[in-house]
Each structure stands twice: as structure tokens, then as C-alpha cells.
Amino acid sequence: TETDRCSSSDLADWQSSFECSTVLLRLLKFNTSLHNYLLLQSVVHYAVTTLRNLLIHVEPVKAQARALDAVQALSPLLLRTNPKLLAQVADSLYFLLLGTK
């Protein structure tokens, strides 16, 4: 599957980072549009955590994530009640907005 390509060993490879962030954002947009959060809770948490790590460690991913509407994909997740997920989402939004004009 596409998410199998997003292993932690691939993070050093920038092309893989771009592919991973694209797949993760598609997953988040798909999930929030279906409002099927409870069934995919662990998948969403993994996607947000991985995207956050990419945003922290691979600077060019920020611009790509902005172009792929990451803010719009992440924002609905702020309505959830899981504190760990909320922290990851807030961090991701912070890193996306950091350095924007």
C-alpha cells in the first residue's frame, strides 16, 4: 500500500518525504470527509504524528504541505477529544504556520 512506503528509514530521502507527506495528507482529507474517525483513530494518529515529524525534520515538506491544503486537512481534527492527537495536530499546524508571511 501507499502508507507502507512511509517507513522511518525513508525519512532521509527527500523524495520519499514528499511522497509520504502527500499520502498522509490525502489520508487525512479522506478521513475527515467521511467523518469516520472512530474506526480509523489509530491510522489518523499515525498519519498526524508522521506528518508532524516530516514538518519538523524536512524543511521543504512545509511548502508542499501548504500547497496540499494541510491546514484544511488538520483543522477539523481540532474538534476531537484525544489530548495526544490534539497536541500532535496543534504542533503540526504551528510548524506549518511558522515562517509564513
N, C-alpha and C. Protein backbone atom coordinates (compact mmCIF):
# COMPACT_ATOMS: atom_id res chain seq x y z
N THR A 1 0.84 -1.20 0.00
CA THR A 1 0.00 0.00 0.00
C THR A 1 0.87 1.24 0.00
N GLU A 2 0.23 2.38 -0.21
CA GLU A 2 0.99 3.62 -0.26
C GLU A 2 1.62 3.95 1.08
N THR A 3 0.92 3.68 2.19
CA THR A 3 1.46 4.02 3.50
C THR A 3 2.66 3.16 3.86
N ASP A 4 2.80 1.99 3.26
CA ASP A 4 3.98 1.16 3.52
C ASP A 4 5.26 1.84 3.06
N ARG A 5 5.15 2.74 2.09
CA ARG A 5 6.34 3.44 1.59
C ARG A 5 6.84 4.48 2.57
N CYS A 6 6.06 4.79 3.58
CA CYS A 6 6.40 5.87 4.51
C CYS A 6 7.08 5.35 5.76
N SER A 7 7.98 4.44 5.64
CA SER A 7 8.68 3.93 6.80
C SER A 7 9.69 4.95 7.29
N SER A 8 10.08 4.82 8.55
CA SER A 8 11.01 5.78 9.13
C SER A 8 12.37 5.73 8.46
N SER A 9 12.75 4.61 7.87
CA SER A 9 14.05 4.52 7.21
C SER A 9 14.10 5.37 5.94
N ASP A 10 12.95 5.75 5.41
CA ASP A 10 12.90 6.55 4.19
C ASP A 10 12.97 8.05 4.45
N LEU A 11 12.93 8.46 5.70
CA LEU A 11 12.84 9.89 6.00
C LEU A 11 14.05 10.68 5.52
N ALA A 12 15.19 10.04 5.42
CA ALA A 12 16.37 10.76 4.96
C ALA A 12 16.29 11.08 3.47
N ASP A 13 15.53 10.33 2.75
CA ASP A 13 15.37 10.54 1.32
C ASP A 13 14.26 11.56 1.09
N TRP A 14 14.61 12.73 0.53
CA TRP A 14 13.65 13.82 0.38
C TRP A 14 12.51 13.45 -0.55
N GLN A 15 12.78 12.71 -1.60
CA GLN A 15 11.70 12.31 -2.50
C GLN A 15 10.68 11.46 -1.75
N SER A 16 11.15 10.56 -0.94
CA SER A 16 10.26 9.74 -0.14
C SER A 16 9.48 10.59 0.85
N SER A 17 10.12 11.61 1.39
CA SER A 17 9.44 12.51 2.32
C SER A 17 8.29 13.22 1.63
N PHE A 18 8.51 13.69 0.41
CA PHE A 18 7.44 14.34 -0.34
C PHE A 18 6.30 13.36 -0.62
N GLU A 19 6.64 12.15 -1.02
CA GLU A 19 5.63 11.14 -1.29
C GLU A 19 4.85 10.80 -0.03
N CYS A 20 5.56 10.66 1.09
CA CYS A 20 4.90 10.33 2.35
C CYS A 20 3.96 11.44 2.78
N SER A 21 4.39 12.68 2.70
CA SER A 21 3.52 13.77 3.13
C SER A 21 2.29 13.86 2.24
N THR A 22 2.45 13.60 0.95
CA THR A 22 1.31 13.62 0.04
C THR A 22 0.31 12.53 0.40
N VAL A 23 0.80 11.33 0.64
CA VAL A 23 -0.07 10.21 1.01
C VAL A 23 -0.77 10.50 2.33
N LEU A 24 -0.03 11.01 3.31
CA LEU A 24 -0.61 11.28 4.62
C LEU A 24 -1.70 12.34 4.55
N LEU A 25 -1.46 13.39 3.78
CA LEU A 25 -2.47 14.44 3.65
C LEU A 25 -3.71 13.95 2.91
N ARG A 26 -3.52 13.11 1.91
CA ARG A 26 -4.68 12.51 1.23
C ARG A 26 -5.50 11.68 2.22
N LEU A 27 -4.81 10.92 3.04
CA LEU A 27 -5.47 10.09 4.04
C LEU A 27 -6.27 10.95 5.01
N LEU A 28 -5.67 12.03 5.50
CA LEU A 28 -6.36 12.90 6.45
C LEU A 28 -7.56 13.58 5.82
N LYS A 29 -7.44 14.02 4.58
CA LYS A 29 -8.57 14.65 3.91
C LYS A 29 -9.70 13.63 3.69
N PHE A 30 -9.35 12.45 3.29
CA PHE A 30 -10.33 11.39 3.07
C PHE A 30 -11.05 11.05 4.36
N ASN A 31 -10.29 10.90 5.43
CA ASN A 31 -10.86 10.52 6.71
C ASN A 31 -11.81 11.59 7.23
N THR A 32 -11.41 12.85 7.19
CA THR A 32 -12.26 13.88 7.74
C THR A 32 -13.50 14.10 6.89
N SER A 33 -13.41 13.83 5.59
CA SER A 33 -14.58 13.99 4.74
C SER A 33 -15.59 12.88 5.00
N LEU A 34 -15.16 11.73 5.46
CA LEU A 34 -16.07 10.63 5.75
C LEU A 34 -16.62 10.66 7.18
N HIS A 35 -16.04 11.48 8.02
CA HIS A 35 -16.42 11.55 9.43
C HIS A 35 -16.43 10.16 10.07
N ASN A 36 -15.44 9.40 9.73
CA ASN A 36 -15.35 8.02 10.20
C ASN A 36 -14.18 7.89 11.16
N TYR A 37 -14.04 8.86 12.03
CA TYR A 37 -12.86 8.98 12.88
C TYR A 37 -12.67 7.78 13.81
N LEU A 38 -13.72 7.31 14.41
CA LEU A 38 -13.58 6.26 15.42
C LEU A 38 -13.00 4.97 14.84
N LEU A 39 -13.38 4.63 13.63
CA LEU A 39 -12.88 3.40 13.02
C LEU A 39 -11.41 3.52 12.61
N LEU A 40 -10.98 4.72 12.32
CA LEU A 40 -9.62 4.90 11.83
C LEU A 40 -8.76 5.72 12.79
N GLN A 41 -9.10 5.73 14.05
CA GLN A 41 -8.41 6.57 15.02
C GLN A 41 -6.90 6.33 15.05
N SER A 42 -6.47 5.09 15.09
CA SER A 42 -5.03 4.82 15.16
C SER A 42 -4.33 5.20 13.85
N VAL A 43 -5.01 5.03 12.73
CA VAL A 43 -4.42 5.41 11.44
C VAL A 43 -4.26 6.92 11.36
N VAL A 44 -5.27 7.64 11.81
CA VAL A 44 -5.20 9.11 11.81
C VAL A 44 -4.08 9.57 12.73
N HIS A 45 -3.98 8.97 13.91
CA HIS A 45 -2.92 9.38 14.84
C HIS A 45 -1.54 9.12 14.24
N TYR A 46 -1.37 7.97 13.60
CA TYR A 46 -0.10 7.67 12.94
C TYR A 46 0.20 8.68 11.83
N ALA A 47 -0.82 9.01 11.04
CA ALA A 47 -0.62 9.96 9.93
C ALA A 47 -0.23 11.34 10.45
N VAL A 48 -0.92 11.80 11.49
CA VAL A 48 -0.61 13.12 12.05
C VAL A 48 0.78 13.13 12.66
N THR A 49 1.12 12.08 13.39
CA THR A 49 2.45 12.01 14.01
C THR A 49 3.55 12.00 12.96
N THR A 50 3.36 11.21 11.91
CA THR A 50 4.36 11.14 10.85
C THR A 50 4.47 12.47 10.11
N LEU A 51 3.34 13.08 9.81
CA LEU A 51 3.37 14.38 9.15
C LEU A 51 4.07 15.42 10.02
N ARG A 52 3.79 15.40 11.31
CA ARG A 52 4.46 16.33 12.24
C ARG A 52 5.97 16.13 12.20
N ASN A 53 6.41 14.88 12.22
CA ASN A 53 7.85 14.60 12.18
C ASN A 53 8.47 15.08 10.86
N LEU A 54 7.77 14.90 9.77
CA LEU A 54 8.27 15.41 8.49
C LEU A 54 8.36 16.93 8.50
N LEU A 55 7.35 17.58 9.06
CA LEU A 55 7.36 19.05 9.12
C LEU A 55 8.52 19.57 9.97
N ILE A 56 8.86 18.84 11.01
CA ILE A 56 9.94 19.26 11.90
C ILE A 56 11.31 19.02 11.25
N HIS A 57 11.48 17.88 10.60
CA HIS A 57 12.81 17.46 10.18
C HIS A 57 13.14 17.67 8.70
N VAL A 58 12.14 17.90 7.86
CA VAL A 58 12.38 18.07 6.42
C VAL A 58 11.73 19.39 5.99
N GLU A 59 12.51 20.44 6.00
CA GLU A 59 12.01 21.80 5.75
C GLU A 59 11.19 21.94 4.46
N PRO A 60 11.60 21.37 3.33
CA PRO A 60 10.81 21.55 2.10
C PRO A 60 9.40 20.94 2.16
N VAL A 61 9.16 20.05 3.09
CA VAL A 61 7.84 19.45 3.22
C VAL A 61 6.80 20.49 3.62
N LYS A 62 7.23 21.53 4.35
CA LYS A 62 6.29 22.58 4.78
C LYS A 62 5.61 23.22 3.59
N ALA A 63 6.38 23.62 2.60
CA ALA A 63 5.79 24.27 1.42
C ALA A 63 4.87 23.32 0.68
N GLN A 64 5.28 22.08 0.56
CA GLN A 64 4.45 21.10 -0.13
C GLN A 64 3.15 20.87 0.65
N ALA A 65 3.25 20.75 1.96
CA ALA A 65 2.06 20.53 2.78
C ALA A 65 1.11 21.71 2.69
N ARG A 66 1.66 22.93 2.66
CA ARG A 66 0.79 24.11 2.50
C ARG A 66 0.08 24.06 1.15
N ALA A 67 0.79 23.69 0.10
CA ALA A 67 0.20 23.61 -1.24
C ALA A 67 -0.88 22.53 -1.31
N LEU A 68 -0.75 21.49 -0.50
CA LEU A 68 -1.73 20.41 -0.48
C LEU A 68 -2.85 20.65 0.55
N ASP A 69 -2.95 21.88 1.04
CA ASP A 69 -4.02 22.27 1.98
C ASP A 69 -3.98 21.49 3.28
N ALA A 70 -2.80 21.36 3.85
CA ALA A 70 -2.65 20.63 5.10
C ALA A 70 -3.42 21.30 6.24
N VAL A 71 -3.47 22.63 6.24
CA VAL A 71 -4.19 23.32 7.30
C VAL A 71 -5.68 22.93 7.27
N GLN A 72 -6.24 22.87 6.07
CA GLN A 72 -7.65 22.48 5.94
C GLN A 72 -7.88 21.01 6.31
N ALA A 73 -6.88 20.17 6.07
CA ALA A 73 -7.00 18.76 6.43
C ALA A 73 -6.87 18.54 7.93
N LEU A 74 -6.02 19.34 8.58
CA LEU A 74 -5.77 19.16 10.01
C LEU A 74 -6.79 19.87 10.89
N SER A 75 -7.31 20.98 10.45
CA SER A 75 -8.18 21.81 11.29
C SER A 75 -9.38 21.07 11.87
N PRO A 76 -10.10 20.26 11.09
CA PRO A 76 -11.25 19.54 11.68
C PRO A 76 -10.86 18.61 12.82
N LEU A 77 -9.61 18.17 12.84
CA LEU A 77 -9.17 17.27 13.90
C LEU A 77 -9.05 17.99 15.25
N LEU A 78 -9.07 19.32 15.23
CA LEU A 78 -9.02 20.08 16.49
C LEU A 78 -10.31 19.92 17.29
N LEU A 79 -11.34 19.38 16.69
CA LEU A 79 -12.61 19.16 17.38
C LEU A 79 -12.64 17.84 18.14
N ARG A 80 -11.60 17.05 18.02
CA ARG A 80 -11.53 15.75 18.69
C ARG A 80 -11.19 15.94 20.16
N THR A 81 -11.33 14.88 20.93
CA THR A 81 -11.12 14.98 22.38
C THR A 81 -9.86 14.26 22.86
N ASN A 82 -9.17 13.55 21.99
CA ASN A 82 -7.96 12.83 22.38
C ASN A 82 -6.83 13.85 22.59
N PRO A 83 -6.36 14.02 23.84
CA PRO A 83 -5.34 15.05 24.11
C PRO A 83 -4.02 14.84 23.36
N LYS A 84 -3.62 13.59 23.18
CA LYS A 84 -2.36 13.33 22.46
C LYS A 84 -2.50 13.71 20.98
N LEU A 85 -3.63 13.37 20.39
CA LEU A 85 -3.87 13.74 19.00
C LEU A 85 -3.96 15.26 18.86
N LEU A 86 -4.64 15.90 19.79
CA LEU A 86 -4.75 17.36 19.75
C LEU A 86 -3.38 18.04 19.82
N ALA A 87 -2.50 17.50 20.66
CA ALA A 87 -1.15 18.06 20.77
C ALA A 87 -0.39 17.90 19.45
N GLN A 88 -0.51 16.74 18.82
CA GLN A 88 0.16 16.50 17.54
C GLN A 88 -0.39 17.41 16.44
N VAL A 89 -1.71 17.57 16.42
CA VAL A 89 -2.34 18.44 15.42
C VAL A 89 -1.91 19.88 15.64
N ALA A 90 -1.95 20.33 16.89
CA ALA A 90 -1.54 21.71 17.19
C ALA A 90 -0.08 21.96 16.81
N ASP A 91 0.79 21.01 17.12
CA ASP A 91 2.19 21.12 16.73
C ASP A 91 2.33 21.20 15.20
N SER A 92 1.61 20.33 14.51
CA SER A 92 1.68 20.32 13.05
C SER A 92 1.24 21.66 12.47
N LEU A 93 0.13 22.18 12.97
CA LEU A 93 -0.35 23.48 12.49
C LEU A 93 0.65 24.58 12.81
N TYR A 94 1.25 24.52 13.99
CA TYR A 94 2.27 25.51 14.37
C TYR A 94 3.44 25.47 13.40
N PHE A 95 3.95 24.28 13.11
CA PHE A 95 5.09 24.18 12.19
C PHE A 95 4.72 24.57 10.77
N LEU A 96 3.47 24.34 10.38
CA LEU A 96 3.03 24.78 9.06
C LEU A 96 2.96 26.30 8.97
N LEU A 97 2.51 26.92 10.04
CA LEU A 97 2.36 28.37 10.03
C LEU A 97 3.64 29.12 10.35
N LEU A 98 4.61 28.44 10.92
CA LEU A 98 5.89 29.04 11.26
C LEU A 98 6.61 29.48 10.00
N GLY A 99 6.94 30.73 9.93
CA GLY A 99 7.69 31.24 8.78
C GLY A 99 6.84 31.69 7.63
N THR A 100 5.51 31.64 7.75
CA THR A 100 4.65 32.14 6.68
C THR A 100 4.48 33.64 6.83
N LYS A 101 4.20 34.29 5.72
CA LYS A 101 4.04 35.75 5.77
C LYS A 101 2.61 36.13 5.55
